[in-house]
Protein backbone atom coordinates (compact mmCIF):
# COMPACT_ATOMS: atom_id res chain seq x y z
CA MET A 1 -83.69 73.77 -0.45
CA ASN A 2 -83.39 69.98 -0.94
CA ARG A 3 -80.26 68.94 -2.85
CA THR A 4 -80.42 67.20 -6.08
CA ILE A 5 -77.43 65.04 -6.82
CA LEU A 6 -76.86 62.94 -9.85
CA HIS A 7 -74.27 60.07 -10.17
CA VAL A 8 -73.56 59.45 -13.87
CA ASP A 9 -71.71 56.20 -14.66
CA MET A 10 -70.75 55.24 -18.25
CA ASP A 11 -71.84 51.78 -19.15
CA ALA A 12 -68.94 49.38 -19.66
CA PHE A 13 -66.92 52.42 -20.86
CA PHE A 14 -63.73 51.11 -22.37
CA ALA A 15 -65.45 48.10 -24.06
CA SER A 16 -68.40 50.31 -25.28
CA VAL A 17 -65.83 52.69 -26.91
CA GLU A 18 -64.21 49.70 -28.66
CA GLN A 19 -67.65 48.44 -29.83
CA ARG A 20 -68.62 51.87 -30.99
CA ASP A 21 -65.42 52.27 -33.05
CA ARG A 22 -65.49 48.73 -34.43
CA PRO A 23 -68.92 47.63 -35.64
CA GLU A 24 -67.85 43.97 -35.93
CA LEU A 25 -67.48 43.76 -32.10
CA ARG A 26 -71.03 45.01 -31.33
CA GLY A 27 -73.17 42.42 -29.62
CA LYS A 28 -70.08 40.31 -29.01
CA PRO A 29 -68.04 39.59 -25.85
CA VAL A 30 -65.13 42.15 -25.56
CA VAL A 31 -62.34 42.09 -23.13
CA VAL A 32 -60.10 45.21 -22.91
CA GLY A 33 -56.68 44.68 -21.51
CA SER A 34 -53.77 42.16 -21.92
CA GLY A 35 -54.09 39.53 -24.62
CA PRO A 36 -55.27 35.89 -23.87
CA ASN A 37 -51.71 34.58 -23.85
CA GLU A 38 -50.20 37.37 -22.00
CA ARG A 39 -49.34 37.95 -18.35
CA GLY A 40 -51.72 40.63 -17.60
CA VAL A 41 -55.29 41.51 -16.44
CA VAL A 42 -58.58 42.57 -17.83
CA SER A 43 -59.19 46.31 -17.73
CA ALA A 44 -62.75 46.28 -18.79
CA ALA A 45 -65.37 43.92 -20.17
CA SER A 46 -68.42 44.32 -22.22
CA TYR A 47 -71.74 43.24 -20.89
CA GLU A 48 -71.57 40.31 -23.21
CA ALA A 49 -68.36 39.08 -21.72
CA ARG A 50 -69.74 39.70 -18.24
CA GLU A 51 -72.20 37.03 -18.80
CA TYR A 52 -69.27 34.64 -18.70
CA GLY A 53 -68.16 35.89 -15.35
CA ILE A 54 -65.32 38.09 -16.72
CA HIS A 55 -64.58 41.16 -14.79
CA SER A 56 -61.88 43.80 -14.42
CA ALA A 57 -58.65 42.77 -12.78
CA MET A 58 -59.30 39.12 -13.67
CA PRO A 59 -56.08 37.57 -15.27
CA SER A 60 -56.55 37.59 -19.03
CA ARG A 61 -55.65 33.84 -19.36
CA GLU A 62 -58.55 33.18 -16.99
CA ALA A 63 -60.93 35.37 -19.15
CA TYR A 64 -59.88 33.48 -22.10
CA LYS A 65 -60.64 30.04 -20.42
CA ARG A 66 -64.14 31.38 -19.58
CA CYS A 67 -64.89 32.73 -23.13
CA PRO A 68 -62.40 31.72 -25.80
CA GLN A 69 -64.57 33.38 -28.39
CA ALA A 70 -64.14 36.77 -26.78
CA ALA A 71 -62.33 39.57 -28.75
CA PHE A 72 -59.33 40.63 -26.69
CA VAL A 73 -58.44 44.38 -27.42
CA PRO A 74 -55.50 46.40 -26.00
CA VAL A 75 -56.07 49.43 -23.92
CA ASP A 76 -56.15 52.60 -25.88
CA GLY A 77 -55.98 55.36 -23.14
CA GLN A 78 -55.94 58.24 -25.59
CA LYS A 79 -59.15 57.24 -27.15
CA TYR A 80 -60.90 56.76 -23.84
CA ARG A 81 -59.64 60.07 -22.38
CA LEU A 82 -61.05 61.80 -25.58
CA ALA A 83 -64.53 60.29 -25.08
CA SER A 84 -64.18 61.18 -21.27
CA LYS A 85 -63.28 64.76 -22.15
CA ILE A 86 -66.61 65.06 -24.21
CA VAL A 87 -68.66 63.63 -21.56
CA PHE A 88 -67.37 65.74 -18.74
CA GLU A 89 -67.96 68.93 -21.07
CA ILE A 90 -71.56 67.75 -21.33
CA PHE A 91 -71.69 67.69 -17.52
CA GLU A 92 -70.44 71.09 -17.23
CA ARG A 93 -73.16 72.46 -19.53
CA PHE A 94 -75.61 71.65 -16.73
CA THR A 95 -73.65 72.52 -13.57
CA PRO A 96 -70.15 73.75 -12.44
CA LEU A 97 -70.34 71.42 -9.58
CA VAL A 98 -68.78 68.16 -11.07
CA GLU A 99 -66.80 65.80 -9.05
CA GLY A 100 -65.03 63.24 -11.23
CA ILE A 101 -64.65 59.92 -9.50
CA SER A 102 -62.82 58.30 -12.33
CA ILE A 103 -62.51 58.61 -16.15
CA ASP A 104 -66.00 57.28 -16.58
CA GLU A 105 -68.03 58.51 -13.71
CA ALA A 106 -68.93 61.59 -11.72
CA PHE A 107 -71.22 63.15 -9.16
CA LEU A 108 -73.16 66.29 -10.21
CA ASP A 109 -74.91 68.75 -7.95
CA VAL A 110 -77.82 70.19 -10.09
CA SER A 111 -79.62 71.77 -7.26
CA GLY A 112 -79.01 75.26 -8.59
CA SER A 113 -79.76 74.20 -12.21
CA ARG A 114 -83.38 73.17 -11.76
CA HIS A 115 -84.76 76.49 -12.78
CA LEU A 116 -82.89 76.28 -16.12
CA PHE A 117 -83.25 72.64 -17.01
CA GLY A 118 -86.02 71.12 -14.91
CA ASP A 119 -85.98 68.79 -12.03
CA GLY A 120 -83.38 65.97 -11.36
CA PRO A 121 -84.84 63.27 -13.64
CA ALA A 122 -85.30 65.70 -16.50
CA ILE A 123 -81.67 66.83 -16.21
CA ALA A 124 -80.55 63.20 -16.06
CA GLU A 125 -82.48 62.43 -19.18
CA GLN A 126 -81.07 65.47 -21.07
CA ILE A 127 -77.55 64.52 -20.07
CA ARG A 128 -77.93 60.93 -21.13
CA ALA A 129 -79.42 62.18 -24.47
CA ALA A 130 -76.58 64.52 -25.07
CA ILE A 131 -74.02 61.88 -24.30
CA PHE A 132 -75.42 59.44 -26.72
CA ALA A 133 -75.84 62.11 -29.46
CA GLU A 134 -72.26 63.25 -29.17
CA THR A 135 -70.37 59.98 -28.38
CA GLN A 136 -72.76 57.24 -29.33
CA LEU A 137 -72.21 55.78 -25.76
CA THR A 138 -74.76 55.15 -23.01
CA ALA A 139 -74.64 56.06 -19.27
CA SER A 140 -76.84 55.07 -16.21
CA VAL A 141 -77.82 57.83 -13.86
CA GLY A 142 -78.78 57.78 -10.12
CA VAL A 143 -80.99 60.85 -8.91
CA ALA A 144 -81.09 61.45 -5.27
CA PRO A 145 -80.78 63.89 -2.33
CA ASN A 146 -77.07 63.00 -1.68
CA LYS A 147 -74.07 61.27 -2.96
CA PHE A 148 -74.41 57.75 -1.33
CA LEU A 149 -78.00 57.33 -2.56
CA ALA A 150 -77.10 58.65 -5.99
CA LYS A 151 -74.17 56.29 -6.42
CA LEU A 152 -76.24 53.23 -5.24
CA ALA A 153 -79.05 54.18 -7.62
CA SER A 154 -76.91 54.47 -10.65
CA ASP A 155 -76.10 50.75 -10.45
CA MET A 156 -79.63 49.65 -10.26
CA ASP A 157 -80.84 49.93 -13.88
CA LYS A 158 -77.76 49.32 -15.96
CA PRO A 159 -77.13 49.70 -18.79
CA ASN A 160 -78.69 52.85 -20.11
CA GLY A 161 -81.12 53.52 -17.18
CA VAL A 162 -82.21 56.08 -14.72
CA THR A 163 -83.13 55.33 -11.08
CA ILE A 164 -84.79 57.97 -9.06
CA VAL A 165 -84.56 57.89 -5.16
CA PRO A 166 -87.40 59.66 -3.32
CA ASP A 167 -86.77 62.77 -1.12
CA ALA A 168 -88.74 62.07 2.03
CA PRO A 169 -86.91 60.41 4.78
CA SER A 170 -89.52 57.77 5.32
CA ASP A 171 -89.62 57.04 1.60
CA ILE A 172 -85.75 56.70 1.56
CA ILE A 173 -85.80 54.19 4.35
CA ALA A 174 -88.44 52.19 2.62
CA PHE A 175 -86.51 52.33 -0.60
CA LEU A 176 -83.25 51.06 0.92
CA ALA A 177 -84.80 48.41 3.25
CA PRO A 178 -85.15 45.46 0.88
CA LEU A 179 -81.79 45.90 -0.75
CA PRO A 180 -78.79 43.55 0.42
CA VAL A 181 -76.22 45.11 2.59
CA GLY A 182 -73.66 44.28 0.03
CA ARG A 183 -75.08 46.94 -2.13
CA MET A 184 -73.71 49.65 0.23
CA TRP A 185 -70.51 51.25 -0.85
CA GLY A 186 -67.68 49.83 1.40
CA VAL A 187 -69.54 46.78 2.63
CA GLY A 188 -67.31 43.84 1.29
CA ALA A 189 -67.64 40.24 1.76
CA VAL A 190 -65.83 40.14 5.18
CA THR A 191 -68.15 42.76 6.62
CA GLN A 192 -71.22 40.99 5.15
CA GLU A 193 -70.17 37.81 6.94
CA LYS A 194 -69.68 39.60 10.30
CA LEU A 195 -73.32 41.26 9.77
CA ALA A 196 -74.76 37.94 8.88
CA THR A 197 -73.76 36.60 12.37
CA VAL A 198 -76.23 38.90 13.85
CA GLY A 199 -78.91 38.26 11.33
CA ILE A 200 -78.24 41.32 9.13
CA HIS A 201 -78.76 40.56 5.40
CA THR A 202 -80.67 43.61 4.16
CA ILE A 203 -80.24 47.19 4.69
CA GLY A 204 -83.64 46.96 6.50
CA ASP A 205 -82.13 44.62 8.95
CA LEU A 206 -79.39 47.19 9.55
CA GLN A 207 -81.96 49.93 10.05
CA SER A 208 -83.52 48.01 12.87
CA CYS A 209 -80.47 46.47 14.49
CA SER A 210 -79.42 47.49 17.99
CA ARG A 211 -76.49 49.84 17.78
CA ALA A 212 -74.79 48.30 20.74
CA GLU A 213 -74.99 44.75 19.26
CA LEU A 214 -73.74 46.02 15.95
CA ALA A 215 -70.80 47.84 17.63
CA ARG A 216 -69.78 44.57 19.32
CA ARG A 217 -69.39 42.96 15.94
CA ILE A 218 -67.88 45.60 13.81
CA GLY A 219 -66.74 48.40 16.14
CA ALA A 220 -68.51 51.56 17.38
CA HIS A 221 -67.45 53.84 14.50
CA ALA A 222 -68.27 51.44 11.92
CA ALA A 223 -71.67 50.66 13.38
CA GLU A 224 -72.62 54.43 13.56
CA HIS A 225 -71.31 54.91 10.03
CA LEU A 226 -73.37 52.04 8.49
CA GLN A 227 -76.55 52.93 10.35
CA LEU A 228 -76.36 56.47 9.16
CA LEU A 229 -76.01 55.13 5.60
CA ALA A 230 -78.73 52.59 6.11
CA ARG A 231 -81.15 55.56 6.83
CA GLY A 232 -79.86 57.29 3.66
CA GLN A 233 -77.95 60.09 5.54
CA ASP A 234 -74.93 61.51 3.84
CA THR A 235 -73.82 65.17 4.18
CA ARG A 236 -70.99 65.14 1.82
CA ASP A 237 -70.84 67.92 -0.78
CA VAL A 238 -69.96 67.48 -4.47
CA GLU A 239 -66.36 68.83 -4.84
CA GLU A 240 -65.17 70.38 -8.02
CA GLU A 241 -62.24 68.71 -9.68
CA ARG A 242 -59.08 70.73 -9.54
CA ASP A 243 -56.50 70.48 -12.25
CA ARG A 244 -57.60 66.87 -13.07
CA GLU A 245 -55.54 66.73 -16.18
CA LYS A 246 -52.44 68.03 -14.59
CA SER A 247 -51.99 66.22 -11.18
CA MET A 248 -53.53 63.84 -8.78
CA SER A 249 -52.87 63.91 -4.92
CA ARG A 250 -54.18 62.96 -1.46
CA GLU A 251 -53.47 64.51 1.84
CA HIS A 252 -53.95 63.70 5.46
CA THR A 253 -54.24 66.12 8.38
CA PHE A 254 -53.41 64.38 11.65
CA ALA A 255 -55.92 64.75 14.39
CA LYS A 256 -52.84 65.59 16.67
CA ASP A 257 -49.47 66.86 15.42
CA CYS A 258 -47.43 63.71 14.76
CA THR A 259 -43.81 63.15 15.94
CA SER A 260 -43.67 59.38 15.08
CA PRO A 261 -41.64 58.66 12.00
CA GLU A 262 -43.22 55.15 11.77
CA ARG A 263 -46.73 56.50 11.86
CA ILE A 264 -45.74 59.23 9.38
CA GLN A 265 -44.43 56.66 6.95
CA ALA A 266 -47.34 54.41 7.41
CA VAL A 267 -49.91 57.22 6.54
CA LEU A 268 -47.68 58.08 3.58
CA GLY A 269 -48.12 54.52 2.42
CA ASN A 270 -51.86 54.68 2.70
CA LEU A 271 -51.94 57.95 0.65
CA VAL A 272 -49.79 56.25 -2.01
CA GLU A 273 -52.18 53.32 -2.34
CA ASP A 274 -55.12 55.84 -2.65
CA VAL A 275 -53.44 57.68 -5.54
CA GLY A 276 -52.23 54.53 -7.15
CA ARG A 277 -55.81 53.09 -7.29
CA ARG A 278 -56.98 56.37 -8.78
CA LEU A 279 -54.19 56.18 -11.52
CA ARG A 280 -55.03 52.59 -12.34
CA ALA A 281 -58.82 53.39 -12.44
CA ASP A 282 -58.17 56.22 -14.90
CA GLU A 283 -55.75 54.07 -16.92
CA ARG A 284 -52.88 56.53 -16.44
CA THR A 285 -49.30 56.46 -15.61
CA ALA A 286 -47.31 59.15 -13.91
CA LYS A 287 -43.73 60.34 -14.35
CA VAL A 288 -43.31 62.69 -11.42
CA VAL A 289 -43.80 61.91 -7.75
CA HIS A 290 -44.55 64.74 -5.17
CA LEU A 291 -44.23 64.85 -1.42
CA LYS A 292 -45.72 67.58 0.85
CA LEU A 293 -45.15 68.06 4.65
CA ARG A 294 -46.67 70.77 6.81
CA TRP A 295 -45.15 71.44 10.27
CA ARG A 296 -47.05 72.44 13.39
CA SER A 297 -46.06 76.00 12.60
CA PHE A 298 -47.83 75.73 9.26
CA LYS A 299 -44.58 76.03 7.31
CA THR A 300 -44.94 73.72 4.41
CA LEU A 301 -42.08 71.85 2.45
CA THR A 302 -42.61 70.05 -0.91
CA ARG A 303 -40.24 67.77 -2.75
CA GLN A 304 -40.54 65.97 -6.07
CA GLN A 305 -38.74 63.21 -7.98
CA ALA A 306 -39.00 62.24 -11.64
CA LEU A 307 -39.14 58.57 -12.22
CA GLN A 308 -37.00 56.63 -14.66
CA ALA A 309 -40.29 55.58 -16.39
CA ALA A 310 -43.94 56.52 -15.95
CA CYS A 311 -45.72 53.94 -13.77
CA CYS A 312 -48.89 53.43 -11.74
CA ASP A 313 -47.85 50.69 -9.33
CA ASP A 314 -47.93 51.05 -5.66
CA GLN A 315 -44.38 49.73 -5.05
CA THR A 316 -42.58 52.02 -7.13
CA LEU A 317 -44.54 55.09 -6.05
CA ARG A 318 -44.12 54.00 -2.30
CA GLU A 319 -40.44 53.53 -2.67
CA THR A 320 -39.95 56.91 -4.30
CA ALA A 321 -42.16 58.58 -1.77
CA GLU A 322 -40.21 57.00 1.15
CA GLN A 323 -37.01 58.09 -0.44
CA LEU A 324 -38.23 61.67 -0.62
CA LEU A 325 -39.32 61.50 3.00
CA ALA A 326 -36.00 60.19 4.19
CA LEU A 327 -34.31 63.41 2.90
CA ILE A 328 -36.33 65.60 5.06
CA PRO A 329 -35.38 65.92 8.78
CA LEU A 330 -38.35 65.84 11.08
CA THR A 331 -37.40 68.98 12.93
CA GLU A 332 -40.86 69.61 14.41
CA PRO A 333 -44.26 67.81 14.75
CA VAL A 334 -45.95 67.17 11.46
CA ARG A 335 -49.53 68.50 10.93
CA LEU A 336 -50.17 67.43 7.42
CA ILE A 337 -48.57 64.95 4.84
CA GLY A 338 -49.53 64.80 1.19
CA PHE A 339 -48.57 62.58 -1.68
CA GLY A 340 -49.24 63.27 -5.37
CA VAL A 341 -48.21 62.53 -8.99
CA SER A 342 -48.11 64.53 -12.25
CA GLN A 343 -46.91 64.49 -15.87
CA PHE A 344 -49.34 61.71 -16.96
CA GLU A 345 -48.49 59.53 -19.86
CA GLU A 346 -50.45 56.78 -21.61
CA PRO A 347 -49.95 53.27 -20.32
CA GLY A 348 -48.45 50.54 -22.42
CA GLY A 349 -45.25 52.21 -23.46
CA GLU A 350 -41.85 50.47 -23.21
CA GLN A 351 -41.42 49.08 -19.80
CA LEU A 352 -38.09 49.76 -18.15
CA LEU A 353 -36.62 48.04 -15.00
CA LEU A 354 -36.62 50.51 -12.02
CA PHE A 355 -34.14 50.52 -9.09
CA GLY A 356 -31.74 48.02 -10.79
CA ASP A 357 -32.13 44.79 -12.53
CA ASP A 358 -33.93 42.90 -9.64
CA SER A 359 -36.54 41.13 -11.76
CA ARG A 360 -39.34 43.43 -10.43
CA ASN A 361 -40.33 45.18 -13.55
CA VAL A 362 -43.20 47.54 -14.15
CA GLU A 363 -45.49 44.94 -15.62
CA LYS A 364 -45.24 42.63 -12.50
CA ARG A 365 -45.59 45.51 -10.17
CA GLU A 366 -48.70 46.89 -11.86
CA SER A 367 -50.27 43.40 -12.14
CA LEU A 368 -49.82 42.80 -8.50
CA SER A 369 -51.29 46.33 -7.73
CA ARG A 370 -54.29 45.69 -9.92
CA SER A 371 -54.83 42.32 -8.16
CA LEU A 372 -54.80 44.12 -4.82
CA ASP A 373 -57.28 46.59 -6.06
CA LYS A 374 -59.68 43.86 -6.99
CA ILE A 375 -59.37 42.23 -3.57
CA ARG A 376 -60.15 45.51 -1.75
CA ASP A 377 -62.92 46.31 -4.17
CA THR A 378 -64.53 42.89 -3.46
CA PHE A 379 -63.72 42.51 0.21
CA GLY A 380 -63.11 45.93 1.55
CA ASP A 381 -60.20 48.38 2.01
CA THR A 382 -59.04 46.63 5.19
CA SER A 383 -59.04 43.12 3.78
CA ILE A 384 -55.51 43.26 2.86
CA GLN A 385 -52.91 45.65 4.25
CA ARG A 386 -49.12 46.28 4.46
CA ALA A 387 -47.53 45.17 7.62
CA SER A 388 -46.80 48.82 8.47
CA ALA A 389 -50.19 50.13 7.72
CA VAL A 390 -51.98 52.04 10.33
CA ARG A 391 -55.66 52.94 10.33
CA ILE A 392 -56.22 56.48 9.08
CA ASP A 393 -59.14 58.26 7.68
CA ARG A 394 -58.62 57.82 4.04
CA ASN A 395 -61.19 60.51 3.24
CA ALA A 396 -59.37 63.36 4.81
CA ASP A 397 -59.28 66.27 2.35
CA GLU A 398 -56.76 69.09 2.17
CA ASP A 399 -58.46 70.96 4.85
CA GLY A 400 -58.54 68.13 7.19
CA GLN A 401 -62.25 67.53 6.82
CA THR A 402 -63.72 64.07 6.14
CA ASP A 403 -65.99 62.47 3.76
CA ALA A 404 -68.58 59.87 5.02
CA LEU A 405 -67.65 57.44 2.37
CA PRO A 406 -64.43 56.14 0.59
CA ARG A 407 -63.96 57.43 -2.82
CA LYS A 408 -63.80 54.87 -5.60
CA GLY A 409 -60.76 53.87 -7.51
CA THR A 410 -61.43 56.45 -6.81
């Protein structure tokens, strides 16, 4: 049976919630985040503000220069989470297979729901109607046979639209062919430049390009990966969220049991960055850090540490994780390492200096982390890395399996 996957993406979520609750802001440019005269960044921008080139992670002062008449509204995490909770409850009426990517988007596998609610497009329309009726917010939906195509499609008719990808392989190839390669998830500006050197500008160009020539430019693994996507092939399943409101974590299973402390620490740093990006995408901060190690013998150790103040920046999370790791003697090869956070709090509370008065406070660290998020979202995950970073499969799940694509802000 062919799968039917939906990707539902709320339209300018934070800004739309503010416009819903404050009628005087409707139809006007709205910037959610730090104030125009504050050292901080934009968390979200309404579609009216985007017309001025304003986007998330942009410094608020720059946003003000571009649009002085914009309304600058502080982040209200509790209000957004309440709206998100209603939206996710609507998803679960149609299918139990819901994979939340962030506070405002999710994949849904509705293959088993078609006999109850109709085909994919019909279910998409019912979900959009329910969201608007119960939250007065709009969503855009991609309907497709797999996650990659559904994610790509949901962005094609924004705001408040539905895009349907055909099922037949030949029709999928034709659907993708005219699109620019930059529309593919994970293809940033640097990769686009490399592809352009061999005349690849559209997904159709990628479909017809020699695998060997492509491998010489971007590497064999990346070449194979991109050509599979260019043909619309993605076998990932929709994974149900587990304890989304209680904790957030990432784990990596080594292909070969690892004895190198340097590599273990470097992989841990990558896991911290993944969790940090998801925290910031969800506008959350966490108070407790967790570390998990599994030895070759499958014996598992866990350690945790409460922070002085809840945070979401990579530097604080990484320092704490490394402190926990240093307390565990590496008595045998490591099979798996995991990092997680819990005890979420709303951002924007009193900011305390961590690890002594060294002038690196929470605000500066978070601002830097958000800036790095923007760079990686624009130019790809490998565009900027720590000196100690090593290449790992960022998509390894708890069982050591891998996804075909990176998760957003995920």
